Each structure stands twice: as structure tokens, then as C-alpha cells.
Amino acid sequence: MGSPDPSGMQLNGVGGGISSTSKVAVIKKSTYQGVDVDYLFGQVSLTEAKIAWDGSCGNLAAAVGLYALDANLVRPNPECVIPI
């Protein structure tokens, strides 16, 4: 996507130049006992070439289970419980 973006527009990505849309989610099958998928959230800086990995995003977190199903990282179960 390009960070920092000198134009502030992030035309090559979904960012649009505002922090609420400049995010990344890394999702993978977990190796932890009792956990199906690992989720790592990153906030992409608009002004520096860096990603802050210490925050969270409820909107992206809410999509992790659905993504895991769609990407075949987990198999559907009767309760639709996907530990993250």
C-alpha cells in the first residue's frame, strides 16, 4: 500500500489516507492447544514506514472466524465456535 504515503491518498490500497482504513490483519492456523487460529492486528502509519502491532480492531477481529472458515483454516462445527 505504501507507507509513508507522500500524497496522503494511498491510491494503491484501500487506505484512502485515513488511519481508520489503514489496517492489516495476519491470520494463520494456530499451533496453540485449544486455539484454532492466530490473529495479529497492525495499524499502518500514514506518515512513517512502520506498522504498530500493539493495538486491536473490533471490526477486523469480528471477521477472523468467518475468514478462517472461508480460507479453510478451520472446519465448521455444530456450535460455530472458533477459538482465536
N, C-alpha and C. Protein backbone atom coordinates (compact mmCIF):
# COMPACT_ATOMS: atom_id res chain seq x y z
N MET A 1 0.82 -1.19 0.00
CA MET A 1 0.00 0.00 0.00
C MET A 1 0.86 1.25 0.00
N GLY A 2 2.05 1.15 0.56
CA GLY A 2 2.94 2.30 0.57
C GLY A 2 2.80 3.13 1.83
N SER A 3 3.80 3.08 2.66
CA SER A 3 3.79 3.87 3.87
C SER A 3 5.24 4.31 4.12
N PRO A 4 5.53 5.55 4.30
CA PRO A 4 4.55 6.64 4.28
C PRO A 4 4.10 6.96 2.86
N ASP A 5 2.95 7.54 2.79
CA ASP A 5 2.37 7.93 1.51
C ASP A 5 2.47 9.44 1.39
N PRO A 6 3.40 9.95 0.57
CA PRO A 6 3.60 11.40 0.47
C PRO A 6 2.34 12.15 0.04
N SER A 7 1.50 11.51 -0.76
CA SER A 7 0.29 12.21 -1.23
C SER A 7 -0.82 12.20 -0.19
N GLY A 8 -0.75 11.26 0.77
CA GLY A 8 -1.81 11.15 1.77
C GLY A 8 -3.07 10.51 1.23
N MET A 9 -3.01 9.97 0.03
CA MET A 9 -4.21 9.41 -0.59
C MET A 9 -4.21 7.88 -0.64
N GLN A 10 -3.07 7.22 -0.53
CA GLN A 10 -2.96 5.77 -0.60
C GLN A 10 -3.76 5.20 -1.78
N LEU A 11 -3.48 5.69 -2.95
CA LEU A 11 -4.24 5.28 -4.13
C LEU A 11 -4.04 3.83 -4.51
N ASN A 12 -2.95 3.20 -4.08
CA ASN A 12 -2.69 1.81 -4.44
C ASN A 12 -3.30 0.82 -3.46
N GLY A 13 -4.02 1.28 -2.47
CA GLY A 13 -4.60 0.39 -1.48
C GLY A 13 -5.97 0.86 -1.06
N VAL A 14 -6.47 0.29 0.01
CA VAL A 14 -7.81 0.65 0.48
C VAL A 14 -7.77 1.77 1.50
N GLY A 15 -6.58 2.28 1.81
CA GLY A 15 -6.44 3.23 2.91
C GLY A 15 -7.17 4.53 2.76
N GLY A 16 -7.08 5.17 1.62
CA GLY A 16 -7.74 6.46 1.45
C GLY A 16 -7.13 7.57 2.28
N GLY A 17 -5.98 7.31 2.92
CA GLY A 17 -5.29 8.36 3.65
C GLY A 17 -5.82 8.64 5.04
N ILE A 18 -6.65 7.77 5.62
CA ILE A 18 -7.12 7.97 6.99
C ILE A 18 -6.79 6.73 7.83
N SER A 19 -6.49 6.93 9.09
CA SER A 19 -5.99 5.84 9.93
C SER A 19 -7.02 4.73 10.14
N SER A 20 -8.30 5.06 10.11
CA SER A 20 -9.30 4.02 10.37
C SER A 20 -9.41 3.01 9.24
N THR A 21 -8.82 3.30 8.09
CA THR A 21 -8.86 2.33 6.99
C THR A 21 -7.47 1.86 6.59
N SER A 22 -6.47 2.17 7.36
CA SER A 22 -5.10 1.76 7.06
C SER A 22 -4.67 0.70 8.06
N LYS A 23 -5.24 -0.52 7.88
CA LYS A 23 -5.04 -1.60 8.83
C LYS A 23 -4.64 -2.87 8.11
N VAL A 24 -4.05 -3.78 8.86
CA VAL A 24 -3.69 -5.09 8.31
C VAL A 24 -4.03 -6.15 9.34
N ALA A 25 -4.48 -7.30 8.86
CA ALA A 25 -4.75 -8.46 9.72
C ALA A 25 -3.96 -9.64 9.18
N VAL A 26 -3.22 -10.30 10.06
CA VAL A 26 -2.49 -11.50 9.70
C VAL A 26 -3.16 -12.66 10.43
N ILE A 27 -3.64 -13.62 9.68
CA ILE A 27 -4.40 -14.73 10.25
C ILE A 27 -3.79 -16.03 9.77
N LYS A 28 -3.56 -16.95 10.71
CA LYS A 28 -2.98 -18.25 10.35
C LYS A 28 -3.52 -19.33 11.28
N LYS A 29 -3.39 -20.56 10.85
CA LYS A 29 -3.77 -21.68 11.68
C LYS A 29 -2.87 -21.69 12.91
N SER A 30 -3.45 -21.88 14.08
CA SER A 30 -2.69 -21.79 15.32
C SER A 30 -1.99 -23.11 15.65
N THR A 31 -0.88 -23.00 16.35
CA THR A 31 -0.18 -24.18 16.88
C THR A 31 -0.44 -24.34 18.37
N TYR A 32 -1.22 -23.43 18.97
CA TYR A 32 -1.54 -23.49 20.39
C TYR A 32 -2.67 -24.49 20.66
N GLN A 33 -2.54 -25.23 21.73
CA GLN A 33 -3.56 -26.18 22.15
C GLN A 33 -4.87 -25.45 22.46
N GLY A 34 -5.97 -25.88 21.88
CA GLY A 34 -7.28 -25.30 22.15
C GLY A 34 -7.57 -24.01 21.40
N VAL A 35 -6.68 -23.60 20.51
CA VAL A 35 -6.87 -22.38 19.73
C VAL A 35 -6.85 -22.76 18.24
N ASP A 36 -7.86 -22.31 17.50
CA ASP A 36 -7.95 -22.67 16.08
C ASP A 36 -7.11 -21.77 15.18
N VAL A 37 -7.19 -20.46 15.39
CA VAL A 37 -6.45 -19.53 14.54
C VAL A 37 -5.79 -18.44 15.37
N ASP A 38 -4.65 -17.95 14.87
CA ASP A 38 -3.97 -16.80 15.47
C ASP A 38 -4.30 -15.57 14.63
N TYR A 39 -4.51 -14.46 15.31
CA TYR A 39 -4.86 -13.20 14.65
C TYR A 39 -3.94 -12.11 15.16
N LEU A 40 -3.27 -11.43 14.25
CA LEU A 40 -2.39 -10.32 14.60
C LEU A 40 -2.87 -9.08 13.86
N PHE A 41 -3.11 -8.03 14.60
CA PHE A 41 -3.60 -6.77 14.02
C PHE A 41 -2.45 -5.78 13.93
N GLY A 42 -2.42 -5.03 12.83
CA GLY A 42 -1.43 -3.97 12.66
C GLY A 42 -2.07 -2.69 12.15
N GLN A 43 -1.68 -1.58 12.75
CA GLN A 43 -2.12 -0.26 12.31
C GLN A 43 -1.01 0.35 11.47
N VAL A 44 -1.28 0.55 10.18
CA VAL A 44 -0.28 1.08 9.26
C VAL A 44 -0.19 2.60 9.44
N SER A 45 1.03 3.07 9.65
CA SER A 45 1.25 4.51 9.81
C SER A 45 1.04 5.22 8.48
N LEU A 46 0.44 6.39 8.55
CA LEU A 46 0.25 7.20 7.35
C LEU A 46 1.44 8.09 7.06
N THR A 47 2.28 8.31 8.08
CA THR A 47 3.37 9.27 7.92
C THR A 47 4.76 8.66 8.01
N GLU A 48 4.87 7.42 8.50
CA GLU A 48 6.15 6.75 8.63
C GLU A 48 6.05 5.36 8.01
N ALA A 49 7.19 4.79 7.63
CA ALA A 49 7.22 3.42 7.10
C ALA A 49 7.25 2.44 8.26
N LYS A 50 6.12 2.30 8.96
CA LYS A 50 6.06 1.38 10.08
C LYS A 50 4.63 0.91 10.32
N ILE A 51 4.54 -0.20 11.03
CA ILE A 51 3.26 -0.76 11.43
C ILE A 51 3.30 -0.95 12.93
N ALA A 52 2.28 -0.47 13.62
CA ALA A 52 2.16 -0.66 15.07
C ALA A 52 1.38 -1.96 15.30
N TRP A 53 2.02 -2.91 15.98
CA TRP A 53 1.42 -4.22 16.21
C TRP A 53 0.78 -4.35 17.59
N ASP A 54 0.69 -3.26 18.35
CA ASP A 54 0.24 -3.36 19.73
C ASP A 54 -1.23 -3.02 19.96
N GLY A 55 -2.00 -2.78 18.92
CA GLY A 55 -3.39 -2.42 19.10
C GLY A 55 -4.34 -3.55 18.74
N SER A 56 -5.58 -3.19 18.50
CA SER A 56 -6.58 -4.16 18.08
C SER A 56 -7.67 -3.42 17.31
N CYS A 57 -8.50 -4.17 16.63
CA CYS A 57 -9.61 -3.60 15.89
C CYS A 57 -10.79 -4.55 15.99
N GLY A 58 -11.86 -4.09 16.59
CA GLY A 58 -13.04 -4.92 16.76
C GLY A 58 -13.66 -5.36 15.45
N ASN A 59 -13.66 -4.47 14.45
CA ASN A 59 -14.24 -4.83 13.16
C ASN A 59 -13.46 -5.96 12.49
N LEU A 60 -12.13 -5.87 12.49
CA LEU A 60 -11.33 -6.93 11.89
C LEU A 60 -11.40 -8.20 12.74
N ALA A 61 -11.38 -8.07 14.05
CA ALA A 61 -11.47 -9.24 14.92
C ALA A 61 -12.78 -9.99 14.70
N ALA A 62 -13.85 -9.26 14.45
CA ALA A 62 -15.15 -9.89 14.21
C ALA A 62 -15.16 -10.72 12.93
N ALA A 63 -14.28 -10.41 12.01
CA ALA A 63 -14.24 -11.13 10.73
C ALA A 63 -13.28 -12.31 10.73
N VAL A 64 -12.48 -12.49 11.77
CA VAL A 64 -11.46 -13.53 11.79
C VAL A 64 -12.07 -14.92 11.65
N GLY A 65 -13.11 -15.21 12.40
CA GLY A 65 -13.75 -16.52 12.33
C GLY A 65 -14.31 -16.82 10.95
N LEU A 66 -14.98 -15.84 10.36
CA LEU A 66 -15.53 -16.03 9.02
C LEU A 66 -14.43 -16.22 7.99
N TYR A 67 -13.36 -15.45 8.12
CA TYR A 67 -12.23 -15.62 7.21
C TYR A 67 -11.62 -17.01 7.36
N ALA A 68 -11.46 -17.47 8.60
CA ALA A 68 -10.87 -18.78 8.85
C ALA A 68 -11.70 -19.88 8.20
N LEU A 69 -13.02 -19.75 8.25
CA LEU A 69 -13.89 -20.72 7.58
C LEU A 69 -13.72 -20.64 6.07
N ASP A 70 -13.74 -19.44 5.53
CA ASP A 70 -13.64 -19.24 4.09
C ASP A 70 -12.30 -19.70 3.54
N ALA A 71 -11.23 -19.51 4.30
CA ALA A 71 -9.89 -19.88 3.87
C ALA A 71 -9.55 -21.34 4.22
N ASN A 72 -10.53 -22.06 4.73
CA ASN A 72 -10.34 -23.48 5.12
C ASN A 72 -9.26 -23.67 6.17
N LEU A 73 -9.11 -22.69 7.06
CA LEU A 73 -8.18 -22.84 8.18
C LEU A 73 -8.81 -23.67 9.29
N VAL A 74 -10.14 -23.69 9.33
CA VAL A 74 -10.89 -24.48 10.31
C VAL A 74 -12.04 -25.17 9.59
N ARG A 75 -12.56 -26.20 10.24
CA ARG A 75 -13.72 -26.87 9.70
C ARG A 75 -14.95 -26.42 10.49
N PRO A 76 -16.07 -26.29 9.82
CA PRO A 76 -17.29 -25.90 10.55
C PRO A 76 -17.62 -26.92 11.63
N ASN A 77 -18.14 -26.42 12.74
CA ASN A 77 -18.59 -27.32 13.81
C ASN A 77 -20.01 -26.92 14.20
N PRO A 78 -20.74 -27.80 14.85
CA PRO A 78 -22.15 -27.52 15.16
C PRO A 78 -22.38 -26.25 15.96
N GLU A 79 -21.46 -25.90 16.85
CA GLU A 79 -21.63 -24.70 17.68
C GLU A 79 -21.12 -23.44 16.98
N CYS A 80 -20.40 -23.60 15.89
CA CYS A 80 -19.76 -22.46 15.20
C CYS A 80 -18.85 -21.69 16.14
N VAL A 81 -18.12 -22.41 16.99
CA VAL A 81 -17.15 -21.82 17.90
C VAL A 81 -15.77 -21.94 17.27
N ILE A 82 -15.08 -20.80 17.16
CA ILE A 82 -13.73 -20.79 16.59
C ILE A 82 -12.82 -20.03 17.55
N PRO A 83 -12.11 -20.74 18.43
CA PRO A 83 -11.21 -20.06 19.35
C PRO A 83 -10.12 -19.30 18.60
N ILE A 84 -9.92 -18.03 18.97
CA ILE A 84 -8.94 -17.17 18.32
C ILE A 84 -7.90 -16.75 19.34
